[in-house]
N, C-alpha and C. Protein backbone atom coordinates (compact mmCIF):
# COMPACT_ATOMS: atom_id res chain seq x y z
N MET A 1 0.88 -1.29 0.00
CA MET A 1 -0.03 -0.02 0.03
C MET A 1 0.86 1.16 -0.04
N ASN A 2 0.39 2.21 -0.79
CA ASN A 2 1.19 3.53 -0.73
C ASN A 2 0.95 4.25 0.50
N ARG A 3 1.92 5.10 0.80
CA ARG A 3 1.83 5.94 2.12
C ARG A 3 1.22 7.26 1.68
N PRO A 4 0.30 7.92 2.45
CA PRO A 4 -0.39 9.13 2.19
C PRO A 4 0.77 10.18 1.78
N GLU A 5 1.70 10.35 2.44
CA GLU A 5 2.68 11.28 2.04
C GLU A 5 3.44 11.07 0.65
N GLU A 6 3.50 9.86 0.39
CA GLU A 6 4.01 9.51 -0.99
C GLU A 6 3.12 10.01 -2.03
N ILE A 7 1.71 9.75 -1.77
CA ILE A 7 0.69 10.26 -2.77
C ILE A 7 0.58 11.76 -2.80
N THR A 8 0.63 12.41 -1.68
CA THR A 8 0.38 13.88 -1.75
C THR A 8 1.60 14.58 -2.32
N THR A 9 2.80 13.96 -2.72
CA THR A 9 3.92 14.57 -3.30
C THR A 9 3.71 14.38 -4.85
N ALA A 10 2.60 13.68 -5.29
CA ALA A 10 2.34 13.63 -6.77
C ALA A 10 2.19 14.81 -7.44
N ARG A 11 2.62 14.79 -8.80
CA ARG A 11 2.48 15.92 -9.68
C ARG A 11 1.16 15.87 -10.31
N ILE A 12 0.46 16.80 -10.18
CA ILE A 12 -0.94 16.87 -10.76
C ILE A 12 -0.97 18.03 -11.77
N LEU A 13 -1.40 17.83 -12.88
CA LEU A 13 -1.67 18.85 -13.99
C LEU A 13 -3.07 18.95 -14.25
N ILE A 14 -3.64 20.21 -14.19
CA ILE A 14 -5.10 20.53 -14.30
C ILE A 14 -5.17 21.37 -15.61
N VAL A 15 -6.11 20.90 -16.57
CA VAL A 15 -6.17 21.74 -17.83
C VAL A 15 -7.77 21.97 -17.89
N ASP A 16 -8.21 23.16 -17.81
CA ASP A 16 -9.55 23.55 -17.76
C ASP A 16 -9.59 25.14 -18.30
N ASP A 17 -10.48 25.50 -19.30
CA ASP A 17 -10.36 26.74 -19.87
C ASP A 17 -10.97 27.87 -18.89
N GLN A 18 -11.74 27.31 -17.88
CA GLN A 18 -12.49 28.26 -16.89
C GLN A 18 -11.52 28.40 -15.62
N GLU A 19 -10.94 29.58 -15.45
CA GLU A 19 -10.17 29.94 -14.36
C GLU A 19 -10.91 29.57 -12.93
N ALA A 20 -12.12 29.80 -12.84
CA ALA A 20 -12.80 29.34 -11.65
C ALA A 20 -12.86 27.88 -11.35
N ASN A 21 -12.81 27.12 -12.35
CA ASN A 21 -12.72 25.59 -12.13
C ASN A 21 -11.41 25.19 -11.68
N LEU A 22 -10.31 25.94 -12.24
CA LEU A 22 -9.00 25.65 -11.87
C LEU A 22 -8.81 25.99 -10.35
N ARG A 23 -9.22 27.17 -9.98
CA ARG A 23 -9.08 27.58 -8.60
C ARG A 23 -9.79 26.57 -7.64
N LEU A 24 -11.02 26.14 -8.02
CA LEU A 24 -11.63 25.08 -7.10
C LEU A 24 -10.94 23.98 -7.10
N MET A 25 -10.51 23.38 -8.17
CA MET A 25 -9.63 22.13 -8.02
C MET A 25 -8.41 22.21 -7.20
N GLU A 26 -7.68 23.34 -7.46
CA GLU A 26 -6.53 23.58 -6.81
C GLU A 26 -6.88 23.70 -5.23
N ALA A 27 -7.89 24.37 -4.92
CA ALA A 27 -8.20 24.46 -3.44
C ALA A 27 -8.56 23.16 -2.85
N LEU A 28 -9.41 22.32 -3.61
CA LEU A 28 -9.67 20.94 -3.02
C LEU A 28 -8.43 20.05 -2.96
N LEU A 29 -7.60 20.21 -3.93
CA LEU A 29 -6.28 19.39 -3.85
C LEU A 29 -5.40 19.88 -2.70
N GLU A 30 -5.30 21.05 -2.63
CA GLU A 30 -4.42 21.71 -1.43
C GLU A 30 -4.99 21.17 -0.15
N ARG A 31 -6.30 21.30 -0.03
CA ARG A 31 -6.92 20.87 1.31
C ARG A 31 -6.56 19.49 1.59
N GLU A 32 -6.46 18.59 0.59
CA GLU A 32 -6.26 17.14 0.67
C GLU A 32 -4.80 17.03 1.07
N GLY A 33 -3.86 18.02 0.96
CA GLY A 33 -2.49 17.96 1.24
C GLY A 33 -1.58 17.93 0.02
N PHE A 34 -2.15 17.93 -1.05
CA PHE A 34 -1.37 17.94 -2.42
C PHE A 34 -0.76 19.35 -2.56
N SER A 35 0.57 19.52 -2.97
CA SER A 35 1.22 20.78 -3.12
C SER A 35 1.93 20.90 -4.47
N ASN A 36 2.02 19.78 -5.21
CA ASN A 36 2.68 19.77 -6.40
C ASN A 36 1.82 19.80 -7.65
N ILE A 37 1.11 21.01 -7.79
CA ILE A 37 0.08 21.11 -8.80
C ILE A 37 0.37 22.37 -9.73
N LEU A 38 0.14 22.00 -11.02
CA LEU A 38 0.29 22.96 -12.19
C LEU A 38 -0.99 23.03 -12.98
N SER A 39 -1.44 24.13 -13.15
CA SER A 39 -2.74 24.34 -13.96
C SER A 39 -2.50 25.43 -15.04
N THR A 40 -3.37 25.19 -16.03
CA THR A 40 -3.44 26.09 -17.11
C THR A 40 -4.85 26.16 -17.80
N THR A 41 -5.25 27.27 -18.21
CA THR A 41 -6.49 27.57 -18.90
C THR A 41 -6.34 27.36 -20.35
N ASP A 42 -5.08 27.09 -20.83
CA ASP A 42 -4.75 27.11 -22.29
C ASP A 42 -4.55 25.68 -22.70
N PRO A 43 -5.61 24.96 -23.36
CA PRO A 43 -5.44 23.66 -23.67
C PRO A 43 -4.32 23.46 -24.77
N GLU A 44 -4.00 24.53 -25.52
CA GLU A 44 -2.88 24.49 -26.57
C GLU A 44 -1.49 24.15 -25.79
N ARG A 45 -1.35 24.43 -24.51
CA ARG A 45 -0.19 24.05 -23.85
C ARG A 45 -0.22 22.77 -23.05
N ALA A 46 -1.32 22.15 -23.16
CA ALA A 46 -1.44 20.91 -22.40
C ALA A 46 -0.24 19.88 -22.69
N ILE A 47 -0.18 19.63 -23.85
CA ILE A 47 0.96 18.49 -24.26
C ILE A 47 2.31 18.95 -23.73
N GLU A 48 2.69 20.17 -24.16
CA GLU A 48 3.93 20.75 -23.74
C GLU A 48 4.11 20.67 -22.22
N LEU A 49 3.16 21.08 -21.42
CA LEU A 49 3.23 20.95 -19.97
C LEU A 49 3.27 19.70 -19.52
N PHE A 50 2.58 18.68 -20.03
CA PHE A 50 2.64 17.33 -19.76
C PHE A 50 4.03 16.69 -19.91
N ARG A 51 4.73 17.12 -20.99
CA ARG A 51 6.06 16.63 -21.21
C ARG A 51 7.05 17.26 -20.16
N ILE A 52 6.90 18.59 -19.86
CA ILE A 52 7.95 19.31 -18.99
C ILE A 52 7.68 18.95 -17.59
N PHE A 53 6.34 18.87 -17.10
CA PHE A 53 5.97 18.69 -15.71
C PHE A 53 5.89 17.21 -15.33
N ASP A 54 5.69 16.34 -16.32
CA ASP A 54 5.68 14.88 -16.17
C ASP A 54 4.67 14.49 -14.98
N PRO A 55 3.54 14.85 -15.10
CA PRO A 55 2.56 14.55 -13.96
C PRO A 55 2.23 13.18 -13.72
N ASP A 56 1.96 12.98 -12.52
CA ASP A 56 1.29 11.57 -12.21
C ASP A 56 -0.12 11.40 -12.51
N LEU A 57 -0.68 12.52 -12.56
CA LEU A 57 -2.13 12.60 -12.84
C LEU A 57 -2.61 13.84 -13.64
N LEU A 58 -3.46 13.69 -14.69
CA LEU A 58 -3.86 14.76 -15.45
C LEU A 58 -5.38 14.97 -15.08
N LEU A 59 -5.77 16.15 -14.75
CA LEU A 59 -7.28 16.42 -14.59
C LEU A 59 -7.60 17.26 -15.81
N LEU A 60 -8.57 16.75 -16.64
CA LEU A 60 -8.74 17.35 -17.92
C LEU A 60 -10.21 17.61 -18.26
N ASP A 61 -10.56 18.91 -18.59
CA ASP A 61 -11.78 19.24 -19.12
C ASP A 61 -11.90 18.80 -20.52
N LEU A 62 -13.16 18.42 -21.04
CA LEU A 62 -13.45 18.14 -22.45
C LEU A 62 -13.77 19.36 -23.33
N MET A 63 -14.66 20.20 -22.87
CA MET A 63 -15.18 21.16 -23.73
C MET A 63 -14.40 22.46 -23.53
N MET A 64 -13.46 22.59 -24.40
CA MET A 64 -12.53 24.00 -24.27
C MET A 64 -12.44 24.43 -25.69
N PRO A 65 -12.29 25.83 -25.94
CA PRO A 65 -12.23 26.33 -27.16
C PRO A 65 -10.73 26.07 -27.75
N GLY A 66 -10.70 25.95 -29.10
CA GLY A 66 -9.40 25.67 -29.76
C GLY A 66 -9.09 24.24 -29.69
N LEU A 67 -8.62 23.76 -28.67
CA LEU A 67 -8.10 22.37 -28.59
C LEU A 67 -9.16 21.66 -27.48
N SER A 68 -9.90 20.79 -27.89
CA SER A 68 -10.81 20.04 -27.02
C SER A 68 -10.00 18.99 -26.10
N GLY A 69 -10.59 18.58 -25.02
CA GLY A 69 -9.98 17.63 -24.19
C GLY A 69 -9.87 16.29 -24.94
N TYR A 70 -10.76 16.12 -25.95
CA TYR A 70 -10.54 14.76 -26.85
C TYR A 70 -9.33 14.91 -27.65
N THR A 71 -9.08 15.96 -28.05
CA THR A 71 -7.82 16.23 -28.98
C THR A 71 -6.52 16.02 -28.07
N VAL A 72 -6.68 16.49 -26.81
CA VAL A 72 -5.52 16.44 -25.96
C VAL A 72 -5.28 14.87 -25.61
N LEU A 73 -6.41 14.20 -25.35
CA LEU A 73 -6.33 12.75 -25.26
C LEU A 73 -5.72 12.02 -26.40
N GLU A 74 -6.11 12.34 -27.57
CA GLU A 74 -5.62 11.82 -28.79
C GLU A 74 -4.19 12.03 -28.94
N GLN A 75 -3.64 13.17 -28.64
CA GLN A 75 -2.23 13.53 -28.76
C GLN A 75 -1.52 12.78 -27.60
N LEU A 76 -1.91 12.84 -26.49
CA LEU A 76 -1.30 12.03 -25.43
C LEU A 76 -1.13 10.64 -25.76
N GLU A 77 -2.19 9.98 -26.35
CA GLU A 77 -2.12 8.49 -26.65
C GLU A 77 -1.10 8.23 -27.72
N LYS A 78 -0.86 9.15 -28.66
CA LYS A 78 0.17 9.03 -29.62
C LYS A 78 1.53 9.00 -29.13
N GLN A 79 1.70 9.71 -28.00
CA GLN A 79 3.11 9.83 -27.37
C GLN A 79 3.17 8.96 -26.16
N ARG A 80 2.16 8.23 -25.76
CA ARG A 80 2.14 7.44 -24.60
C ARG A 80 3.12 6.18 -24.68
N ASP A 81 3.87 5.99 -23.68
CA ASP A 81 4.67 4.80 -23.40
C ASP A 81 3.72 3.62 -23.14
N PRO A 82 3.74 2.53 -23.86
CA PRO A 82 2.76 1.57 -23.61
C PRO A 82 3.04 0.80 -22.31
N ASN A 83 4.20 1.01 -21.72
CA ASN A 83 4.65 0.39 -20.38
C ASN A 83 4.44 1.32 -19.28
N ASP A 84 3.68 2.39 -19.46
CA ASP A 84 3.58 3.46 -18.32
C ASP A 84 1.94 3.55 -17.99
N TYR A 85 1.78 3.84 -16.83
CA TYR A 85 0.34 3.99 -16.45
C TYR A 85 0.24 5.41 -15.97
N ARG A 86 -0.36 6.28 -16.77
CA ARG A 86 -0.55 7.74 -16.30
C ARG A 86 -1.87 8.13 -16.43
N PRO A 87 -2.69 8.13 -15.38
CA PRO A 87 -4.11 8.32 -15.46
C PRO A 87 -4.59 9.70 -15.74
N VAL A 88 -5.70 9.67 -16.48
CA VAL A 88 -6.36 10.98 -16.76
C VAL A 88 -7.67 10.93 -16.20
N LEU A 89 -8.00 11.79 -15.41
CA LEU A 89 -9.45 11.95 -14.89
C LEU A 89 -10.08 13.16 -15.58
N VAL A 90 -11.20 12.79 -16.33
CA VAL A 90 -11.97 13.88 -17.13
C VAL A 90 -12.97 14.48 -16.12
N LEU A 91 -12.87 15.78 -16.23
CA LEU A 91 -14.02 16.64 -15.32
C LEU A 91 -14.63 17.56 -16.46
N THR A 92 -16.03 17.16 -16.67
CA THR A 92 -16.66 17.85 -17.65
C THR A 92 -18.10 18.04 -17.44
N ALA A 93 -18.83 19.04 -18.04
CA ALA A 93 -20.17 19.41 -17.90
C ALA A 93 -20.93 18.46 -18.84
N ASP A 94 -20.30 17.82 -19.77
CA ASP A 94 -21.01 17.04 -20.82
C ASP A 94 -21.20 15.55 -20.14
N ALA A 95 -22.52 15.49 -19.70
CA ALA A 95 -22.89 14.27 -18.99
C ALA A 95 -23.41 13.13 -19.98
N THR A 96 -23.26 13.40 -21.21
CA THR A 96 -23.86 12.34 -22.02
C THR A 96 -23.03 11.06 -22.10
N LEU A 97 -23.66 9.91 -22.37
CA LEU A 97 -23.00 8.66 -22.44
C LEU A 97 -22.00 8.62 -23.61
N GLN A 98 -22.26 9.39 -24.72
CA GLN A 98 -21.38 9.54 -25.79
C GLN A 98 -20.04 10.09 -25.32
N ALA A 99 -20.09 11.12 -24.49
CA ALA A 99 -18.91 11.69 -24.22
C ALA A 99 -18.06 10.95 -23.20
N LYS A 100 -18.78 10.24 -22.19
CA LYS A 100 -17.95 9.38 -21.36
C LYS A 100 -17.30 8.25 -22.01
N ARG A 101 -18.10 7.56 -23.11
CA ARG A 101 -17.49 6.50 -23.81
C ARG A 101 -16.31 6.95 -24.59
N ARG A 102 -16.50 8.07 -25.36
CA ARG A 102 -15.38 8.62 -26.26
C ARG A 102 -14.20 8.89 -25.28
N ALA A 103 -14.26 9.64 -24.16
CA ALA A 103 -13.13 9.95 -23.37
C ALA A 103 -12.40 8.66 -22.93
N LEU A 104 -13.23 7.79 -22.36
CA LEU A 104 -12.73 6.49 -21.94
C LEU A 104 -11.90 5.79 -23.03
N ALA A 105 -12.53 5.75 -24.19
CA ALA A 105 -11.99 4.96 -25.34
C ALA A 105 -10.68 5.69 -25.70
N LEU A 106 -10.58 6.97 -25.64
CA LEU A 106 -9.41 7.62 -26.00
C LEU A 106 -8.14 7.61 -24.88
N GLY A 107 -8.47 7.00 -23.69
CA GLY A 107 -7.44 6.75 -22.72
C GLY A 107 -7.68 7.11 -21.30
N ALA A 108 -8.80 7.97 -21.17
CA ALA A 108 -9.07 8.44 -19.81
C ALA A 108 -9.34 7.30 -18.99
N LYS A 109 -8.94 7.38 -17.74
CA LYS A 109 -9.17 6.28 -16.77
C LYS A 109 -10.35 6.49 -15.86
N ASP A 110 -10.76 7.74 -15.85
CA ASP A 110 -12.09 7.96 -15.02
C ASP A 110 -12.73 9.25 -15.57
N PHE A 111 -14.02 9.48 -15.02
CA PHE A 111 -14.86 10.39 -15.66
C PHE A 111 -15.73 11.03 -14.63
N LEU A 112 -15.85 12.28 -14.43
CA LEU A 112 -16.65 12.86 -13.52
C LEU A 112 -17.43 14.04 -14.29
N THR A 113 -18.67 14.26 -13.94
CA THR A 113 -19.43 15.31 -14.60
C THR A 113 -19.59 16.56 -13.62
N LYS A 114 -19.51 17.58 -14.24
CA LYS A 114 -19.65 18.95 -13.30
C LYS A 114 -21.15 19.21 -13.27
N PRO A 115 -21.64 19.75 -12.14
CA PRO A 115 -20.96 19.85 -10.97
C PRO A 115 -20.71 18.65 -10.15
N PHE A 116 -19.58 18.33 -9.68
CA PHE A 116 -19.30 17.07 -8.97
C PHE A 116 -19.22 17.15 -7.46
N ASP A 117 -19.34 16.08 -6.85
CA ASP A 117 -19.27 16.07 -5.32
C ASP A 117 -17.66 16.05 -4.99
N ALA A 118 -17.34 16.93 -4.26
CA ALA A 118 -15.93 17.20 -4.00
C ALA A 118 -15.31 16.10 -3.24
N LEU A 119 -15.98 15.34 -2.35
CA LEU A 119 -15.50 14.19 -1.75
C LEU A 119 -15.21 13.12 -2.69
N GLU A 120 -16.21 12.85 -3.67
CA GLU A 120 -16.06 11.90 -4.55
C GLU A 120 -14.77 12.18 -5.50
N ALA A 121 -14.68 13.40 -5.89
CA ALA A 121 -13.60 13.72 -6.77
C ALA A 121 -12.27 13.47 -6.12
N MET A 122 -12.15 13.80 -4.85
CA MET A 122 -10.88 13.50 -4.08
C MET A 122 -10.48 12.08 -4.03
N LEU A 123 -11.71 11.31 -3.63
CA LEU A 123 -11.46 9.79 -3.60
C LEU A 123 -10.98 9.26 -4.86
N ARG A 124 -11.56 9.72 -6.01
CA ARG A 124 -11.13 9.26 -7.25
C ARG A 124 -9.65 9.70 -7.57
N VAL A 125 -9.23 10.95 -7.14
CA VAL A 125 -7.90 11.32 -7.31
C VAL A 125 -6.97 10.41 -6.52
N TRP A 126 -7.29 10.13 -5.26
CA TRP A 126 -6.47 9.24 -4.49
C TRP A 126 -6.40 7.87 -4.98
N ASN A 127 -7.44 7.32 -5.56
CA ASN A 127 -7.46 6.06 -6.07
C ASN A 127 -6.60 5.94 -7.25
N LEU A 128 -6.71 6.91 -8.20
CA LEU A 128 -5.87 6.90 -9.46
C LEU A 128 -4.42 7.07 -9.14
N LEU A 129 -4.16 7.84 -8.13
CA LEU A 129 -2.74 8.09 -7.74
C LEU A 129 -2.21 6.78 -7.12
N GLU A 130 -2.93 6.24 -6.20
CA GLU A 130 -2.57 5.02 -5.61
C GLU A 130 -2.04 3.89 -6.70
N THR A 131 -3.08 3.69 -7.70
CA THR A 131 -2.75 2.84 -8.73
C THR A 131 -1.44 3.14 -9.51
N ARG A 132 -1.40 4.59 -9.64
CA ARG A 132 -0.13 4.94 -10.41
C ARG A 132 1.14 4.61 -9.75
N PHE A 133 1.13 4.84 -8.40
CA PHE A 133 2.38 4.50 -7.70
C PHE A 133 2.56 3.01 -7.48
N LEU A 134 1.47 2.19 -7.34
CA LEU A 134 1.57 0.80 -7.20
C LEU A 134 2.17 0.26 -8.46
N TYR A 135 1.58 0.83 -9.65
CA TYR A 135 2.26 0.34 -10.94
C TYR A 135 3.70 0.71 -11.13
N LYS A 136 4.20 1.88 -10.68
CA LYS A 136 5.55 2.17 -10.82
C LYS A 136 6.33 1.32 -9.99
N ARG A 137 5.77 0.85 -8.76
CA ARG A 137 6.61 0.05 -7.87
C ARG A 137 6.73 -1.41 -8.51
N VAL A 138 5.77 -1.77 -9.14
CA VAL A 138 5.83 -3.09 -9.79
C VAL A 138 6.86 -3.02 -11.06
N VAL A 139 6.81 -1.98 -11.76
CA VAL A 139 7.79 -1.92 -12.85
C VAL A 139 9.17 -1.87 -12.26
N GLU A 140 9.43 -1.09 -11.27
CA GLU A 140 10.82 -1.07 -10.53
C GLU A 140 11.16 -2.47 -10.05
N LEU A 141 10.35 -3.14 -9.42
CA LEU A 141 10.71 -4.54 -8.92
C LEU A 141 11.09 -5.42 -10.18
N GLU A 142 10.23 -5.35 -11.30
CA GLU A 142 10.61 -6.08 -12.46
C GLU A 142 11.96 -5.82 -13.01
N ARG A 143 12.20 -4.41 -13.09
CA ARG A 143 13.68 -4.09 -13.59
C ARG A 143 14.74 -4.60 -12.66
N SER A 144 14.49 -4.55 -11.37
CA SER A 144 15.55 -4.94 -10.39
C SER A 144 15.80 -6.51 -10.57
N ARG A 145 14.66 -7.28 -10.85
CA ARG A 145 14.76 -8.71 -11.03
C ARG A 145 15.70 -9.03 -12.15
N ARG A 146 15.36 -8.28 -13.21
CA ARG A 146 16.16 -8.56 -14.52
C ARG A 146 17.48 -8.16 -14.36
N GLY A 147 17.81 -7.38 -13.42
CA GLY A 147 19.28 -7.03 -13.14
C GLY A 147 19.82 -5.95 -13.90
């Protein structure tokens, strides 16, 4: 099991075109003890920031002007290391089944519709990060066994 302090050091990238949504997510995450948070309202910078910041978790809006969250997911999938588990939690006002299916098919690992329950959102963040760190630990064990 992962230690809470290990998870709270996770790097979290938030991409949402609404400043108020970013501030809300930042406040919720900080209240949970997370401090390594980077956010942007510019979806055009999402891929660049993903490469530079190397987040453990991406919180992504779908409906953004210019570059949609779907396009961000498609671009991330093209660059994704197949041996890496890098979760994306979609946070969107689009509650349709089509939106959920499309986002999950493009690689999102979880999906919440706005407005969302703060406690549920934080539980999902913790669960995704716990899975990320457990996956990393398994990969490291495999590498050490191979020598």
